[in-house]
Amino acid sequence: MITSCLLPRLFSALRTGLTLGVIATGLLGVLAPRAGAQETAGTAMFVTVANPITSEAAERLKNQISYRTQDARGGGRAQTVVFDFTPDARPAATANFGPCYDLAKFIGSLKGRVNTIAYLRAPAAGHTVLPVLACGELVMAKAATLGPVVTEGVPPPDEVMRAAYRQVFNRDDRWPIVQ
């Protein structure tokens, strides 16, 4: 189970001594969630991910994000998408693998042209872990945890699911969460 993770590219300010709590509080203040997707500071977009993640919710997010990241209106294209996987600081867990896998594949398709950030304020478990791990960066509040995948109502992943997890995040340092 991961209890704290922060990738340095987004928050180089950590090198100057800021704590994760201060950064998470600042991120929350700047990107306070409202319903659905919301524009922030010109080139960023904040999206609230439904809990549990359903096929309809994943499709709606994909459409909103695609529209904003491929914007041809000039200057309005979102270059960063922040995914709030634990809206209202409530734990999130999805038992259904399919929608989480679809959302994770979509997030992966954004790599190279859009920065993706998973934002957790509370525990995220079950297959919700998959799209979280698909994001390029992960920001977690002090109360947040990531994993396990196998939890109440979520059976151990079969071979096909484990292969999908490996395909999506392809990083050995994140693999123990799945097992």
Foldseek 3Di string as FASTA:
>chain_A
DAQFFWDCPVPVVVVVPDDLQVVLVVCCVQCVDDAAKDDGDQQEIEGEADAPHDQVSLVVNLVVLVCQQVPPPPSRRHQEYEYEDQPPLHEGADQDQVRLLVSLVSQLVCPPRHQYEYEHAAEYEASVLQNNLLGPTYRYHNHYDYAQNDDVNHHQDDPVSLVSSCVRNVDPVPSVSRD
